[in-house]
């Protein structure tokens, strides 16, 4: 994951750095340090995986550079097939 993915994904979700910290379990100072980088993130693999997983669960899809530049987009959500994730709980978990 690139720093651009991290910043872009958080921006699409309109999350603050504190929001991402809460969802990922990564500290705000670490997120600030990683977002200040350019290009591929360097740091502990577990930290980067936690950030990527939190963004992915929230609907962020990462687009590789492949000559066109790194990018992110929101995944399409198909609500017709069931409840959206934020409405799921133990009482309606089939």
C-alpha atoms as a PDB file:
ATOM      1  CA  UNK A   1       0.000   0.000   0.000  1.00  0.00           C
ATOM      2  CA  UNK A   2       1.216   3.488  -0.837  1.00  0.00           C
ATOM      3  CA  UNK A   3       0.916   6.624   1.276  1.00  0.00           C
ATOM      4  CA  UNK A   4      -1.369   7.938  -1.475  1.00  0.00           C
ATOM      5  CA  UNK A   5      -3.687   4.949  -0.955  1.00  0.00           C
ATOM      6  CA  UNK A   6      -3.791   5.648   2.764  1.00  0.00           C
ATOM      7  CA  UNK A   7      -4.565   9.356   2.415  1.00  0.00           C
ATOM      8  CA  UNK A   8      -7.010   8.840  -0.450  1.00  0.00           C
ATOM      9  CA  UNK A   9      -8.921   6.032   1.217  1.00  0.00           C
ATOM     10  CA  UNK A  10      -9.330   7.983   4.408  1.00  0.00           C
ATOM     11  CA  UNK A  11     -10.478  11.041   2.445  1.00  0.00           C
ATOM     12  CA  UNK A  12     -13.100   9.058   0.495  1.00  0.00           C
ATOM     13  CA  UNK A  13     -14.542   7.779   3.759  1.00  0.00           C
ATOM     14  CA  UNK A  14     -14.366  11.260   5.305  1.00  0.00           C
ATOM     15  CA  UNK A  15     -12.537   9.758   8.262  1.00  0.00           C
ATOM     16  CA  UNK A  16     -10.242  11.718  10.506  1.00  0.00           C
ATOM     17  CA  UNK A  17      -6.914  10.224  11.479  1.00  0.00           C
ATOM     18  CA  UNK A  18      -8.521   9.461  14.852  1.00  0.00           C
ATOM     19  CA  UNK A  19     -11.329   7.548  13.096  1.00  0.00           C
ATOM     20  CA  UNK A  20      -8.813   5.429  11.203  1.00  0.00           C
ATOM     21  CA  UNK A  21      -6.825   4.869  14.395  1.00  0.00           C
ATOM     22  CA  UNK A  22      -9.950   3.610  16.165  1.00  0.00           C
ATOM     23  CA  UNK A  23     -10.929   1.279  13.310  1.00  0.00           C
ATOM     24  CA  UNK A  24      -7.420  -0.099  12.732  1.00  0.00           C
ATOM     25  CA  UNK A  25      -5.876  -0.136  16.191  1.00  0.00           C
ATOM     26  CA  UNK A  26      -2.942   1.934  14.876  1.00  0.00           C
ATOM     27  CA  UNK A  27      -1.968   5.084  16.792  1.00  0.00           C
ATOM     28  CA  UNK A  28      -2.646   8.555  15.405  1.00  0.00           C
ATOM     29  CA  UNK A  29       1.076   9.505  15.489  1.00  0.00           C
ATOM     30  CA  UNK A  30       1.888   6.420  13.403  1.00  0.00           C
ATOM     31  CA  UNK A  31      -0.855   7.266  10.885  1.00  0.00           C
ATOM     32  CA  UNK A  32       0.473  10.845  10.648  1.00  0.00           C
ATOM     33  CA  UNK A  33       4.001   9.557  10.024  1.00  0.00           C
ATOM     34  CA  UNK A  34       2.853   7.099   7.351  1.00  0.00           C
ATOM     35  CA  UNK A  35       0.631   9.654   5.593  1.00  0.00           C
ATOM     36  CA  UNK A  36       3.579  12.067   5.374  1.00  0.00           C
ATOM     37  CA  UNK A  37       5.495   9.555   3.244  1.00  0.00           C
ATOM     38  CA  UNK A  38       5.547   9.465  -0.547  1.00  0.00           C
ATOM     39  CA  UNK A  39       5.100   6.167  -2.357  1.00  0.00           C
ATOM     40  CA  UNK A  40       5.212   2.726  -0.788  1.00  0.00           C
ATOM     41  CA  UNK A  41       4.716   2.655   2.972  1.00  0.00           C
ATOM     42  CA  UNK A  42       7.601   1.451   5.073  1.00  0.00           C
ATOM     43  CA  UNK A  43       6.998   0.214   8.571  1.00  0.00           C
ATOM     44  CA  UNK A  44       5.885  -2.862  10.425  1.00  0.00           C
ATOM     45  CA  UNK A  45       3.979  -5.225   8.160  1.00  0.00           C
ATOM     46  CA  UNK A  46       1.307  -5.807  10.806  1.00  0.00           C
ATOM     47  CA  UNK A  47       0.661  -2.062  11.060  1.00  0.00           C
ATOM     48  CA  UNK A  48       0.246  -1.642   7.321  1.00  0.00           C
ATOM     49  CA  UNK A  49      -1.986  -4.738   7.114  1.00  0.00           C
ATOM     50  CA  UNK A  50      -4.196  -3.375   9.926  1.00  0.00           C
ATOM     51  CA  UNK A  51      -4.646  -0.059   8.114  1.00  0.00           C
ATOM     52  CA  UNK A  52      -5.338  -1.765   4.796  1.00  0.00           C
ATOM     53  CA  UNK A  53      -7.866  -4.120   6.406  1.00  0.00           C
ATOM     54  CA  UNK A  54      -9.733  -1.285   8.151  1.00  0.00           C
ATOM     55  CA  UNK A  55     -10.040   0.662   4.906  1.00  0.00           C
ATOM     56  CA  UNK A  56     -11.018  -2.442   2.953  1.00  0.00           C
ATOM     57  CA  UNK A  57     -13.770  -3.399   5.420  1.00  0.00           C
ATOM     58  CA  UNK A  58     -15.141   0.145   5.099  1.00  0.00           C
ATOM     59  CA  UNK A  59     -15.423  -0.316   1.333  1.00  0.00           C
ATOM     60  CA  UNK A  60     -12.152   1.026  -0.038  1.00  0.00           C
ATOM     61  CA  UNK A  61     -10.672  -0.764  -3.039  1.00  0.00           C
ATOM     62  CA  UNK A  62      -7.016  -0.140  -3.856  1.00  0.00           C
ATOM     63  CA  UNK A  63      -5.883   0.418  -7.445  1.00  0.00           C
ATOM     64  CA  UNK A  64      -2.242  -0.416  -8.190  1.00  0.00           C
ATOM     65  CA  UNK A  65       0.075   2.017  -9.942  1.00  0.00           C
ATOM     66  CA  UNK A  66       0.402  -0.012 -13.185  1.00  0.00           C
ATOM     67  CA  UNK A  67       1.814   3.023 -14.967  1.00  0.00           C
ATOM     68  CA  UNK A  68      -1.237   5.165 -14.286  1.00  0.00           C
ATOM     69  CA  UNK A  69      -0.685   6.095 -10.667  1.00  0.00           C
ATOM     70  CA  UNK A  70      -1.962   4.682  -7.401  1.00  0.00           C
ATOM     71  CA  UNK A  71      -5.632   5.149  -6.627  1.00  0.00           C
ATOM     72  CA  UNK A  72      -8.576   4.193  -4.465  1.00  0.00           C
ATOM     73  CA  UNK A  73     -12.293   3.871  -5.026  1.00  0.00           C
ATOM     74  CA  UNK A  74     -15.349   2.884  -3.041  1.00  0.00           C
ATOM     75  CA  UNK A  75     -16.616  -0.603  -3.732  1.00  0.00           C
ATOM     76  CA  UNK A  76     -20.139  -0.909  -5.068  1.00  0.00           C
ATOM     77  CA  UNK A  77     -22.484  -2.094  -2.358  1.00  0.00           C
ATOM     78  CA  UNK A  78     -25.279  -4.417  -3.326  1.00  0.00           C
ATOM     79  CA  UNK A  79     -27.941  -3.754  -0.701  1.00  0.00           C
ATOM     80  CA  UNK A  80     -30.560  -5.804  -2.534  1.00  0.00           C
ATOM     81  CA  UNK A  81     -28.849  -9.018  -1.455  1.00  0.00           C
ATOM     82  CA  UNK A  82     -29.197  -8.266   2.251  1.00  0.00           C
ATOM     83  CA  UNK A  83     -28.558  -5.736   4.974  1.00  0.00           C
ATOM     84  CA  UNK A  84     -25.653  -3.305   4.777  1.00  0.00           C
ATOM     85  CA  UNK A  85     -22.843  -4.117   7.241  1.00  0.00           C
ATOM     86  CA  UNK A  86     -23.723  -1.273   9.600  1.00  0.00           C
ATOM     87  CA  UNK A  87     -27.189  -2.805  10.144  1.00  0.00           C
ATOM     88  CA  UNK A  88     -25.968  -6.298  10.988  1.00  0.00           C
ATOM     89  CA  UNK A  89     -26.057  -7.470  14.581  1.00  0.00           C
ATOM     90  CA  UNK A  90     -26.388 -10.704  16.554  1.00  0.00           C
ATOM     91  CA  UNK A  91     -30.197 -10.720  16.385  1.00  0.00           C
ATOM     92  CA  UNK A  92     -30.367 -10.574  12.558  1.00  0.00           C
ATOM     93  CA  UNK A  93     -27.275 -12.648  11.739  1.00  0.00           C
ATOM     94  CA  UNK A  94     -28.590 -15.545   9.672  1.00  0.00           C
END
